PDB file of N, CA and C in Angstrom:
ATOM      1  N   GLN A   1      26.358 -37.280 -23.460  1.00  0.00           N
ATOM      2  CA  GLN A   1      25.141 -37.967 -23.202  1.00  0.00           C
ATOM      3  C   GLN A   1      25.664 -38.443 -21.621  1.00  0.00           C
ATOM      4  N   PHE A   2      26.723 -38.956 -21.313  1.00  0.00           N
ATOM      5  CA  PHE A   2      27.050 -39.315 -20.057  1.00  0.00           C
ATOM      6  C   PHE A   2      26.805 -38.333 -18.872  1.00  0.00           C
ATOM      7  N   SER A   3      27.674 -37.169 -19.307  1.00  0.00           N
ATOM      8  CA  SER A   3      27.772 -36.034 -18.437  1.00  0.00           C
ATOM      9  C   SER A   3      26.115 -35.474 -18.355  1.00  0.00           C
ATOM     10  N   LYS A   4      25.226 -35.371 -19.050  1.00  0.00           N
ATOM     11  CA  LYS A   4      24.147 -35.071 -19.483  1.00  0.00           C
ATOM     12  C   LYS A   4      23.334 -35.930 -18.155  1.00  0.00           C
ATOM     13  N   VAL A   5      23.497 -37.128 -18.143  1.00  0.00           N
ATOM     14  CA  VAL A   5      22.666 -37.873 -17.184  1.00  0.00           C
ATOM     15  C   VAL A   5      23.282 -37.650 -15.952  1.00  0.00           C
ATOM     16  N   ARG A   6      24.515 -37.510 -15.400  1.00  0.00           N
ATOM     17  CA  ARG A   6      24.959 -36.996 -14.275  1.00  0.00           C
ATOM     18  C   ARG A   6      24.496 -35.974 -13.626  1.00  0.00           C
ATOM     19  N   ILE A   7      24.422 -34.795 -14.593  1.00  0.00           N
ATOM     20  CA  ILE A   7      23.700 -33.481 -14.153  1.00  0.00           C
ATOM     21  C   ILE A   7      22.302 -33.457 -13.851  1.00  0.00           C
ATOM     22  N   LEU A   8      21.659 -34.336 -14.412  1.00  0.00           N
ATOM     23  CA  LEU A   8      20.207 -34.518 -14.454  1.00  0.00           C
ATOM     24  C   LEU A   8      19.832 -35.205 -12.872  1.00  0.00           C
ATOM     25  N   MET A   9      20.947 -36.172 -12.748  1.00  0.00           N
ATOM     26  CA  MET A   9      20.781 -37.048 -11.716  1.00  0.00           C
ATOM     27  C   MET A   9      21.168 -36.175 -10.384  1.00  0.00           C
ATOM     28  N   ASP A  10      21.839 -35.085 -10.522  1.00  0.00           N
ATOM     29  CA  ASP A  10      22.185 -34.154  -9.462  1.00  0.00           C
ATOM     30  C   ASP A  10      21.137 -33.447  -9.114  1.00  0.00           C
ATOM     31  N   PHE A  11      20.193 -33.036 -10.107  1.00  0.00           N
ATOM     32  CA  PHE A  11      19.235 -31.982  -9.798  1.00  0.00           C
ATOM     33  C   PHE A  11      17.813 -32.944  -9.031  1.00  0.00           C
ATOM     34  N   LEU A  12      17.723 -34.137  -9.344  1.00  0.00           N
ATOM     35  CA  LEU A  12      16.729 -34.842  -8.841  1.00  0.00           C
ATOM     36  C   LEU A  12      16.457 -34.735  -7.358  1.00  0.00           C
ATOM     37  N   PRO A  13      17.451 -34.994  -6.681  1.00  0.00           N
ATOM     38  CA  PRO A  13      17.220 -34.843  -5.115  1.00  0.00           C
ATOM     39  C   PRO A  13      17.144 -33.462  -4.677  1.00  0.00           C
ATOM     40  N   LEU A  14      17.627 -32.470  -5.454  1.00  0.00           N
ATOM     41  CA  LEU A  14      17.079 -31.070  -5.295  1.00  0.00           C
ATOM     42  C   LEU A  14      15.354 -30.998  -5.341  1.00  0.00           C
ATOM     43  N   LEU A  15      14.699 -31.471  -6.413  1.00  0.00           N
ATOM     44  CA  LEU A  15      13.539 -31.561  -6.838  1.00  0.00           C
ATOM     45  C   LEU A  15      12.594 -32.065  -5.649  1.00  0.00           C
ATOM     46  N   ASP A  16      13.449 -33.298  -4.967  1.00  0.00           N
ATOM     47  CA  ASP A  16      12.623 -34.131  -3.718  1.00  0.00           C
ATOM     48  C   ASP A  16      12.390 -33.477  -2.822  1.00  0.00           C
ATOM     49  N   ASN A  17      13.749 -32.900  -2.526  1.00  0.00           N
ATOM     50  CA  ASN A  17      13.815 -31.809  -1.234  1.00  0.00           C
ATOM     51  C   ASN A  17      12.716 -30.685  -1.302  1.00  0.00           C
ATOM     52  N   TYR A  18      12.588 -30.002  -2.451  1.00  0.00           N
ATOM     53  CA  TYR A  18      11.720 -28.933  -2.676  1.00  0.00           C
ATOM     54  C   TYR A  18      10.032 -29.287  -2.629  1.00  0.00           C
ATOM     55  N   GLU A  19       9.851 -30.400  -2.792  1.00  0.00           N
ATOM     56  CA  GLU A  19       8.584 -31.229  -2.735  1.00  0.00           C
ATOM     57  C   GLU A  19       8.384 -31.551  -1.294  1.00  0.00           C
ATOM     58  N   ARG A  20       9.131 -32.075  -0.700  1.00  0.00           N
ATOM     59  CA  ARG A  20       9.089 -32.220   0.635  1.00  0.00           C
ATOM     60  C   ARG A  20       8.974 -30.975   1.459  1.00  0.00           C
ATOM     61  N   ALA A  21       9.479 -29.855   1.153  1.00  0.00           N
ATOM     62  CA  ALA A  21       9.534 -28.682   1.907  1.00  0.00           C
ATOM     63  C   ALA A  21       8.123 -28.072   1.529  1.00  0.00           C
ATOM     64  N   LEU A  22       7.451 -28.263   0.284  1.00  0.00           N
ATOM     65  CA  LEU A  22       6.147 -27.740   0.197  1.00  0.00           C
ATOM     66  C   LEU A  22       5.183 -28.486   0.861  1.00  0.00           C
ATOM     67  N   LYS A  23       5.093 -29.616   1.111  1.00  0.00           N
ATOM     68  CA  LYS A  23       4.218 -30.574   1.850  1.00  0.00           C
ATOM     69  C   LYS A  23       4.257 -29.951   3.357  1.00  0.00           C
ATOM     70  N   HIS A  24       5.322 -29.489   3.956  1.00  0.00           N
ATOM     71  CA  HIS A  24       5.168 -28.974   5.258  1.00  0.00           C
ATOM     72  C   HIS A  24       4.383 -27.462   5.320  1.00  0.00           C
ATOM     73  N   ILE A  25       4.095 -27.033   4.420  1.00  0.00           N
ATOM     74  CA  ILE A  25       3.573 -25.506   4.513  1.00  0.00           C
ATOM     75  C   ILE A  25       2.048 -25.878   5.097  1.00  0.00           C
ATOM     76  N   ALA A  26       1.850 -24.938   6.028  1.00  0.00           N
ATOM     77  CA  ALA A  26       0.595 -25.136   6.540  1.00  0.00           C
ATOM     78  C   ALA A  26      -0.520 -25.003   5.666  1.00  0.00           C
ATOM     79  N   PRO A  27      -1.709 -25.609   5.480  1.00  0.00           N
ATOM     80  CA  PRO A  27      -2.736 -25.681   4.709  1.00  0.00           C
ATOM     81  C   PRO A  27      -3.342 -24.038   4.593  1.00  0.00           C
ATOM     82  N   GLU A  28      -3.399 -23.423   5.641  1.00  0.00           N
ATOM     83  CA  GLU A  28      -4.095 -22.033   5.297  1.00  0.00           C
ATOM     84  C   GLU A  28      -2.847 -21.088   4.878  1.00  0.00           C
ATOM     85  N   GLN A  29      -1.539 -21.466   4.793  1.00  0.00           N
ATOM     86  CA  GLN A  29      -0.627 -20.767   3.963  1.00  0.00           C
ATOM     87  C   GLN A  29      -0.461 -21.278   2.328  1.00  0.00           C
ATOM     88  N   THR A  30      -1.358 -22.048   1.898  1.00  0.00           N
ATOM     89  CA  THR A  30      -1.211 -22.477   0.699  1.00  0.00           C
ATOM     90  C   THR A  30      -1.947 -21.579  -0.483  1.00  0.00           C
ATOM     91  N   THR A  31      -2.513 -20.588   0.266  1.00  0.00           N
ATOM     92  CA  THR A  31      -3.245 -19.391  -0.707  1.00  0.00           C
ATOM     93  C   THR A  31      -2.478 -18.248  -0.786  1.00  0.00           C
ATOM     94  N   THR A  32      -1.261 -18.050  -0.219  1.00  0.00           N
ATOM     95  CA  THR A  32      -0.847 -16.953  -0.335  1.00  0.00           C
ATOM     96  C   THR A  32       0.258 -16.646  -1.507  1.00  0.00           C
ATOM     97  N   ASP A  33       0.435 -15.450  -1.641  1.00  0.00           N
ATOM     98  CA  ASP A  33       1.142 -15.512  -2.823  1.00  0.00           C
ATOM     99  C   ASP A  33       2.647 -16.116  -2.778  1.00  0.00           C
ATOM    100  N   PHE A  34       3.188 -15.995  -1.692  1.00  0.00           N
ATOM    101  CA  PHE A  34       4.522 -16.637  -1.545  1.00  0.00           C
ATOM    102  C   PHE A  34       4.284 -17.971  -2.002  1.00  0.00           C
ATOM    103  N   TYR A  35       3.442 -18.768  -1.587  1.00  0.00           N
ATOM    104  CA  TYR A  35       3.291 -20.360  -1.816  1.00  0.00           C
ATOM    105  C   TYR A  35       3.003 -20.575  -3.405  1.00  0.00           C
ATOM    106  N   GLN A  36       2.390 -19.675  -3.878  1.00  0.00           N
ATOM    107  CA  GLN A  36       1.964 -19.747  -5.370  1.00  0.00           C
ATOM    108  C   GLN A  36       3.165 -19.489  -6.254  1.00  0.00           C
ATOM    109  N   GLY A  37       3.816 -18.702  -5.598  1.00  0.00           N
ATOM    110  CA  GLY A  37       5.259 -18.281  -6.247  1.00  0.00           C
ATOM    111  C   GLY A  37       6.305 -19.422  -6.546  1.00  0.00           C
ATOM    112  N   LEU A  38       6.151 -20.276  -5.174  1.00  0.00           N
ATOM    113  CA  LEU A  38       6.985 -21.475  -5.090  1.00  0.00           C
ATOM    114  C   LEU A  38       6.519 -22.619  -5.881  1.00  0.00           C
ATOM    115  N   LYS A  39       5.093 -22.648  -5.929  1.00  0.00           N
ATOM    116  CA  LYS A  39       4.491 -23.534  -6.925  1.00  0.00           C
ATOM    117  C   LYS A  39       4.946 -23.151  -8.448  1.00  0.00           C
ATOM    118  N   GLN A  40       4.969 -21.930  -8.555  1.00  0.00           N
ATOM    119  CA  GLN A  40       5.435 -21.780 -10.073  1.00  0.00           C
ATOM    120  C   GLN A  40       6.793 -22.208 -10.430  1.00  0.00           C
ATOM    121  N   ILE A  41       7.855 -21.802  -9.208  1.00  0.00           N
ATOM    122  CA  ILE A  41       9.109 -22.334  -9.556  1.00  0.00           C
ATOM    123  C   ILE A  41       9.277 -23.685  -9.641  1.00  0.00           C
ATOM    124  N   GLN A  42       8.599 -24.578  -8.826  1.00  0.00           N
ATOM    125  CA  GLN A  42       8.424 -25.801  -8.961  1.00  0.00           C
ATOM    126  C   GLN A  42       8.128 -26.298 -10.438  1.00  0.00           C
ATOM    127  N   ALA A  43       6.772 -25.839 -10.903  1.00  0.00           N
ATOM    128  CA  ALA A  43       6.434 -26.133 -12.335  1.00  0.00           C
ATOM    129  C   ALA A  43       7.431 -25.719 -13.280  1.00  0.00           C
ATOM    130  N   GLN A  44       8.066 -24.609 -13.159  1.00  0.00           N
ATOM    131  CA  GLN A  44       9.467 -24.197 -14.165  1.00  0.00           C
ATOM    132  C   GLN A  44      10.410 -25.081 -14.037  1.00  0.00           C
ATOM    133  N   PHE A  45      10.708 -25.706 -12.752  1.00  0.00           N
ATOM    134  CA  PHE A  45      11.770 -26.534 -12.865  1.00  0.00           C
ATOM    135  C   PHE A  45      11.389 -28.010 -13.248  1.00  0.00           C
ATOM    136  N   GLU A  46      10.038 -28.536 -13.256  1.00  0.00           N
ATOM    137  CA  GLU A  46       9.313 -29.638 -13.948  1.00  0.00           C
ATOM    138  C   GLU A  46       9.547 -29.407 -15.356  1.00  0.00           C
ATOM    139  N   SER A  47       9.133 -28.294 -15.622  1.00  0.00           N
ATOM    140  CA  SER A  47       9.101 -28.078 -17.161  1.00  0.00           C
ATOM    141  C   SER A  47      10.439 -28.305 -17.834  1.00  0.00           C
ATOM    142  N   ILE A  48      11.531 -27.570 -17.170  1.00  0.00           N
ATOM    143  CA  ILE A  48      12.901 -27.944 -17.729  1.00  0.00           C
ATOM    144  C   ILE A  48      13.378 -29.358 -17.637  1.00  0.00           C
ATOM    145  N   LEU A  49      12.977 -30.014 -16.571  1.00  0.00           N
ATOM    146  CA  LEU A  49      13.335 -31.506 -16.808  1.00  0.00           C
ATOM    147  C   LEU A  49      12.718 -32.194 -17.958  1.00  0.00           C
ATOM    148  N   LYS A  50      11.479 -31.876 -18.178  1.00  0.00           N
ATOM    149  CA  LYS A  50      10.700 -32.267 -19.192  1.00  0.00           C
ATOM    150  C   LYS A  50      11.204 -32.258 -20.715  1.00  0.00           C
ATOM    151  N   LYS A  51      11.733 -30.867 -20.890  1.00  0.00           N
ATOM    152  CA  LYS A  51      12.396 -30.516 -21.943  1.00  0.00           C
ATOM    153  C   LYS A  51      13.757 -31.328 -22.341  1.00  0.00           C
ATOM    154  N   GLN A  52      14.178 -31.945 -21.118  1.00  0.00           N
ATOM    155  CA  GLN A  52      15.330 -32.352 -21.240  1.00  0.00           C
ATOM    156  C   GLN A  52      15.134 -34.116 -21.429  1.00  0.00           C
ATOM    157  N   GLY A  53      13.883 -34.486 -21.523  1.00  0.00           N
ATOM    158  CA  GLY A  53      13.695 -35.866 -21.779  1.00  0.00           C
ATOM    159  C   GLY A  53      13.140 -36.705 -20.515  1.00  0.00           C
ATOM    160  N   ILE A  54      13.143 -35.925 -19.529  1.00  0.00           N
ATOM    161  CA  ILE A  54      12.650 -36.697 -18.058  1.00  0.00           C
ATOM    162  C   ILE A  54      11.201 -36.839 -17.859  1.00  0.00           C
ATOM    163  N   ASP A  55      10.797 -37.962 -17.483  1.00  0.00           N
ATOM    164  CA  ASP A  55       9.423 -38.191 -17.221  1.00  0.00           C
ATOM    165  C   ASP A  55       9.221 -38.951 -15.883  1.00  0.00           C
ATOM    166  N   GLU A  56       8.405 -38.556 -15.142  1.00  0.00           N
ATOM    167  CA  GLU A  56       8.017 -39.353 -13.971  1.00  0.00           C
ATOM    168  C   GLU A  56       7.605 -40.742 -14.342  1.00  0.00           C
ATOM    169  N   VAL A  57       8.063 -41.565 -13.351  1.00  0.00           N
ATOM    170  CA  VAL A  57       7.728 -42.906 -13.310  1.00  0.00           C
ATOM    171  C   VAL A  57       6.144 -43.050 -12.660  1.00  0.00           C
ATOM    172  N   LYS A  58       5.436 -43.555 -13.651  1.00  0.00           N
ATOM    173  CA  LYS A  58       3.982 -43.813 -12.810  1.00  0.00           C
ATOM    174  C   LYS A  58       4.046 -45.049 -11.597  1.00  0.00           C
ATOM    175  N   ALA A  59       3.412 -44.756 -10.656  1.00  0.00           N
ATOM    176  CA  ALA A  59       3.683 -45.679  -9.507  1.00  0.00           C
ATOM    177  C   ALA A  59       2.397 -45.748  -8.724  1.00  0.00           C
ATOM    178  N   LEU A  60       1.803 -44.506  -8.022  1.00  0.00           N
ATOM    179  CA  LEU A  60       0.860 -44.803  -7.226  1.00  0.00           C
ATOM    180  C   LEU A  60      -0.372 -45.429  -7.892  1.00  0.00           C
ATOM    181  N   GLY A  61      -0.828 -46.385  -7.205  1.00  0.00           N
ATOM    182  CA  GLY A  61      -1.891 -47.374  -8.008  1.00  0.00           C
ATOM    183  C   GLY A  61      -1.595 -48.276  -8.724  1.00  0.00           C
ATOM    184  N   GLU A  62      -0.280 -48.497  -9.119  1.00  0.00           N
ATOM    185  CA  GLU A  62      -0.093 -49.398 -10.228  1.00  0.00           C
ATOM    186  C   GLU A  62       0.466 -50.706  -9.878  1.00  0.00           C
ATOM    187  N   LYS A  63       0.279 -51.565 -10.219  1.00  0.00           N
ATOM    188  CA  LYS A  63       0.767 -52.842 -10.035  1.00  0.00           C
ATOM    189  C   LYS A  63       2.341 -52.780  -9.662  1.00  0.00           C
ATOM    190  N   PHE A  64       3.107 -53.239  -8.844  1.00  0.00           N
ATOM    191  CA  PHE A  64       4.515 -53.077  -8.598  1.00  0.00           C
ATOM    192  C   PHE A  64       5.145 -53.909  -9.882  1.00  0.00           C
ATOM    193  N   ASP A  65       6.374 -53.062 -10.117  1.00  0.00           N
ATOM    194  CA  ASP A  65       6.928 -53.701 -11.479  1.00  0.00           C
ATOM    195  C   ASP A  65       8.508 -53.472 -10.716  1.00  0.00           C
ATOM    196  N   PRO A  66       9.217 -54.458 -10.686  1.00  0.00           N
ATOM    197  CA  PRO A  66      10.631 -54.309 -10.308  1.00  0.00           C
ATOM    198  C   PRO A  66      11.547 -53.797 -11.248  1.00  0.00           C
ATOM    199  N   ARG A  67      11.037 -53.690 -12.568  1.00  0.00           N
ATOM    200  CA  ARG A  67      11.857 -52.837 -13.421  1.00  0.00           C
ATOM    201  C   ARG A  67      11.870 -51.349 -13.446  1.00  0.00           C
ATOM    202  N   LEU A  68      10.634 -50.938 -12.428  1.00  0.00           N
ATOM    203  CA  LEU A  68      10.403 -49.375 -12.427  1.00  0.00           C
ATOM    204  C   LEU A  68      10.366 -49.063 -11.067  1.00  0.00           C
ATOM    205  N   HIS A  69      10.119 -50.042 -10.202  1.00  0.00           N
ATOM    206  CA  HIS A  69       9.785 -49.535  -8.594  1.00  0.00           C
ATOM    207  C   HIS A  69      10.745 -50.345  -7.722  1.00  0.00           C
ATOM    208  N   GLU A  70      11.038 -49.645  -6.776  1.00  0.00           N
ATOM    209  CA  GLU A  70      12.015 -50.514  -5.790  1.00  0.00           C
ATOM    210  C   GLU A  70      11.037 -50.152  -4.396  1.00  0.00           C
ATOM    211  N   ALA A  71      10.548 -51.500  -3.817  1.00  0.00           N
ATOM    212  CA  ALA A  71       9.829 -51.652  -2.782  1.00  0.00           C
ATOM    213  C   ALA A  71      10.573 -51.525  -1.696  1.00  0.00           C
ATOM    214  N   LEU A  72      10.307 -50.718  -0.696  1.00  0.00           N
ATOM    215  CA  LEU A  72      11.013 -50.330   0.676  1.00  0.00           C
ATOM    216  C   LEU A  72      10.079 -50.852   1.524  1.00  0.00           C
ATOM    217  N   GLU A  73       8.985 -51.012   1.361  1.00  0.00           N
ATOM    218  CA  GLU A  73       8.104 -51.743   2.519  1.00  0.00           C
ATOM    219  C   GLU A  73       6.755 -52.322   2.081  1.00  0.00           C
ATOM    220  N   GLN A  74       6.522 -53.496   2.727  1.00  0.00           N
ATOM    221  CA  GLN A  74       5.015 -54.079   2.212  1.00  0.00           C
ATOM    222  C   GLN A  74       4.237 -54.141   3.453  1.00  0.00           C
ATOM    223  N   VAL A  75       3.008 -53.679   3.123  1.00  0.00           N
ATOM    224  CA  VAL A  75       1.963 -53.667   4.139  1.00  0.00           C
ATOM    225  C   VAL A  75       0.839 -54.658   3.873  1.00  0.00           C
ATOM    226  N   ASP A  76       0.068 -55.179   4.662  1.00  0.00           N
ATOM    227  CA  ASP A  76      -0.845 -56.107   4.496  1.00  0.00           C
ATOM    228  C   ASP A  76      -2.363 -55.597   5.011  1.00  0.00           C
ATOM    229  N   ILE A  77      -2.780 -55.294   3.501  1.00  0.00           N
ATOM    230  CA  ILE A  77      -4.126 -54.448   3.682  1.00  0.00           C
ATOM    231  C   ILE A  77      -5.198 -55.729   3.123  1.00  0.00           C
ATOM    232  N   GLU A  78      -6.234 -55.706   3.968  1.00  0.00           N
ATOM    233  CA  GLU A  78      -7.409 -56.573   3.304  1.00  0.00           C
ATOM    234  C   GLU A  78      -8.201 -55.833   2.300  1.00  0.00           C
ATOM    235  N   ASP A  79      -8.378 -56.705   1.454  1.00  0.00           N
ATOM    236  CA  ASP A  79      -9.482 -56.337   0.163  1.00  0.00           C
ATOM    237  C   ASP A  79      -8.562 -55.476  -0.570  1.00  0.00           C
ATOM    238  N   SER A  80      -7.337 -55.655  -0.838  1.00  0.00           N
ATOM    239  CA  SER A  80      -6.692 -54.934  -1.885  1.00  0.00           C
ATOM    240  C   SER A  80      -5.878 -56.174  -2.667  1.00  0.00           C
ATOM    241  N   ASP A  81      -5.612 -55.441  -4.014  1.00  0.00           N
ATOM    242  CA  ASP A  81      -4.815 -56.189  -5.071  1.00  0.00           C
ATOM    243  C   ASP A  81      -3.383 -56.328  -4.132  1.00  0.00           C
ATOM    244  N   GLU A  82      -2.941 -57.698  -4.550  1.00  0.00           N
ATOM    245  CA  GLU A  82      -1.727 -57.899  -4.127  1.00  0.00           C
ATOM    246  C   GLU A  82      -0.583 -56.913  -5.120  1.00  0.00           C
ATOM    247  N   GLU A  83       0.634 -56.829  -4.252  1.00  0.00           N
ATOM    248  CA  GLU A  83       1.500 -55.939  -4.965  1.00  0.00           C
ATOM    249  C   GLU A  83       1.374 -54.704  -5.694  1.00  0.00           C
ATOM    250  N   THR A  84       0.276 -54.021  -4.841  1.00  0.00           N
ATOM    251  CA  THR A  84      -0.237 -52.390  -5.754  1.00  0.00           C
ATOM    252  C   THR A  84       0.610 -51.600  -4.974  1.00  0.00           C
ATOM    253  N   VAL A  85       0.949 -50.593  -5.620  1.00  0.00           N
ATOM    254  CA  VAL A  85       1.658 -49.458  -5.134  1.00  0.00           C
ATOM    255  C   VAL A  85       0.574 -48.636  -4.235  1.00  0.00           C
ATOM    256  N   ILE A  86       0.957 -48.396  -2.965  1.00  0.00           N
ATOM    257  CA  ILE A  86      -0.005 -47.622  -2.210  1.00  0.00           C
ATOM    258  C   ILE A  86       0.725 -46.066  -1.697  1.00  0.00           C
ATOM    259  N   GLU A  87       1.853 -46.260  -1.693  1.00  0.00           N
ATOM    260  CA  GLU A  87       2.633 -44.757  -1.508  1.00  0.00           C
ATOM    261  C   GLU A  87       3.902 -44.778  -2.061  1.00  0.00           C
ATOM    262  N   VAL A  88       4.131 -43.535  -2.863  1.00  0.00           N
ATOM    263  CA  VAL A  88       5.413 -43.082  -3.266  1.00  0.00           C
ATOM    264  C   VAL A  88       6.171 -42.610  -2.334  1.00  0.00           C
ATOM    265  N   LEU A  89       7.334 -43.243  -2.032  1.00  0.00           N
ATOM    266  CA  LEU A  89       8.480 -42.493  -0.971  1.00  0.00           C
ATOM    267  C   LEU A  89       9.223 -41.563  -1.540  1.00  0.00           C
ATOM    268  N   GLU A  90       9.645 -42.074  -2.769  1.00  0.00           N
ATOM    269  CA  GLU A  90      10.489 -41.158  -3.623  1.00  0.00           C
ATOM    270  C   GLU A  90      10.197 -41.412  -4.910  1.00  0.00           C
ATOM    271  N   LYS A  91       9.979 -40.375  -5.892  1.00  0.00           N
ATOM    272  CA  LYS A  91       9.646 -40.593  -7.258  1.00  0.00           C
ATOM    273  C   LYS A  91      10.774 -41.161  -8.056  1.00  0.00           C
ATOM    274  N   GLY A  92      10.238 -41.536  -9.043  1.00  0.00           N
ATOM    275  CA  GLY A  92      11.301 -42.384 -10.077  1.00  0.00           C
ATOM    276  C   GLY A  92      10.891 -41.443 -11.108  1.00  0.00           C
ATOM    277  N   TYR A  93      11.966 -41.756 -12.274  1.00  0.00           N
ATOM    278  CA  TYR A  93      12.259 -40.961 -13.316  1.00  0.00           C
ATOM    279  C   TYR A  93      12.644 -41.676 -14.244  1.00  0.00           C
ATOM    280  N   LEU A  94      12.382 -41.587 -15.609  1.00  0.00           N
ATOM    281  CA  LEU A  94      12.594 -42.065 -17.014  1.00  0.00           C
ATOM    282  C   LEU A  94      13.280 -40.813 -17.765  1.00  0.00           C
ATOM    283  N   LEU A  95      14.627 -41.130 -18.555  1.00  0.00           N
ATOM    284  CA  LEU A  95      15.229 -40.352 -19.176  1.00  0.00           C
ATOM    285  C   LEU A  95      14.956 -40.706 -20.885  1.00  0.00           C
ATOM    286  N   ASN A  96      14.112 -40.414 -21.547  1.00  0.00           N
ATOM    287  CA  ASN A  96      13.883 -40.785 -22.881  1.00  0.00           C
ATOM    288  C   ASN A  96      13.696 -41.988 -22.970  1.00  0.00           C
ATOM    289  N   GLY A  97      12.734 -42.375 -22.265  1.00  0.00           N
ATOM    290  CA  GLY A  97      12.065 -44.004 -21.735  1.00  0.00           C
ATOM    291  C   GLY A  97      12.885 -45.127 -21.402  1.00  0.00           C
ATOM    292  N   GLN A  98      14.127 -44.361 -20.898  1.00  0.00           N
ATOM    293  CA  GLN A  98      14.848 -45.378 -19.886  1.00  0.00           C
ATOM    294  C   GLN A  98      15.156 -45.108 -18.616  1.00  0.00           C
ATOM    295  N   LEU A  99      15.080 -46.015 -17.770  1.00  0.00           N
ATOM    296  CA  LEU A  99      15.020 -45.752 -16.310  1.00  0.00           C
ATOM    297  C   LEU A  99      16.251 -45.049 -16.109  1.00  0.00           C
ATOM    298  N   LEU A 100      16.091 -43.756 -15.169  1.00  0.00           N
ATOM    299  CA  LEU A 100      17.030 -43.018 -14.600  1.00  0.00           C
ATOM    300  C   LEU A 100      17.197 -43.323 -13.185  1.00  0.00           C
ATOM    301  N   ARG A 101      15.893 -43.419 -12.449  1.00  0.00           N
ATOM    302  CA  ARG A 101      15.944 -43.889 -11.269  1.00  0.00           C
ATOM    303  C   ARG A 101      14.859 -44.462 -10.671  1.00  0.00           C
ATOM    304  N   PRO A 102      14.596 -45.549 -10.215  1.00  0.00           N
ATOM    305  CA  PRO A 102      13.515 -46.258  -9.844  1.00  0.00           C
ATOM    306  C   PRO A 102      12.456 -45.470  -8.579  1.00  0.00           C
ATOM    307  N   ALA A 103      11.240 -45.497  -8.630  1.00  0.00           N
ATOM    308  CA  ALA A 103      10.524 -44.948  -7.751  1.00  0.00           C
ATOM    309  C   ALA A 103      10.711 -45.782  -6.313  1.00  0.00           C
ATOM    310  N   LYS A 104      10.687 -45.225  -5.374  1.00  0.00           N
ATOM    311  CA  LYS A 104      10.900 -46.178  -3.979  1.00  0.00           C
ATOM    312  C   LYS A 104       9.611 -45.964  -3.480  1.00  0.00           C
ATOM    313  N   VAL A 105       8.832 -47.274  -3.218  1.00  0.00           N
ATOM    314  CA  VAL A 105       7.423 -47.326  -3.011  1.00  0.00           C
ATOM    315  C   VAL A 105       7.239 -48.315  -1.854  1.00  0.00           C
ATOM    316  N   LYS A 106       5.931 -47.912  -1.289  1.00  0.00           N
ATOM    317  CA  LYS A 106       5.222 -49.055  -0.417  1.00  0.00           C
ATOM    318  C   LYS A 106       4.261 -49.681  -1.139  1.00  0.00           C
ATOM    319  N   ILE A 107       3.989 -51.199  -1.086  1.00  0.00           N
ATOM    320  CA  ILE A 107       3.171 -52.028  -1.675  1.00  0.00           C
ATOM    321  C   ILE A 107       2.400 -52.723  -0.783  1.00  0.00           C
ATOM    322  N   THR A 108       1.282 -53.566  -1.159  1.00  0.00           N
ATOM    323  CA  THR A 108       0.355 -54.450  -0.524  1.00  0.00           C
ATOM    324  C   THR A 108       1.039 -55.903  -0.519  1.00  0.00           C
ATOM    325  N   LYS A 109       0.896 -56.491   0.312  1.00  0.00           N
ATOM    326  CA  LYS A 109       1.566 -58.055  -0.003  1.00  0.00           C
ATOM    327  C   LYS A 109       0.209 -58.902   0.300  1.00  0.00           C
TER     328      LYS A 109
END
């Protein structure tokens, strides 16, 4: 079990970087076969992680929960609920319901 956790933890930064790379593709390129192929690879990777018991921590729009989220920044926004996640800087993950990595987030204060 411990070795499984280590291997899965090694794959999470790869998924993070893959998603960051996809965000930098120009909007007019998102209809190309190349881009669609990259999205299919991402979906396959996420499917493999899901089969291993990995689930993403819900964060965006959620109330800040220090058990699941790590606040890296707080911003003052008028007319907003206090300590609400407004941006996910790095996704968090659960392994079979147990925290594997907290979501790194930006919250309101």
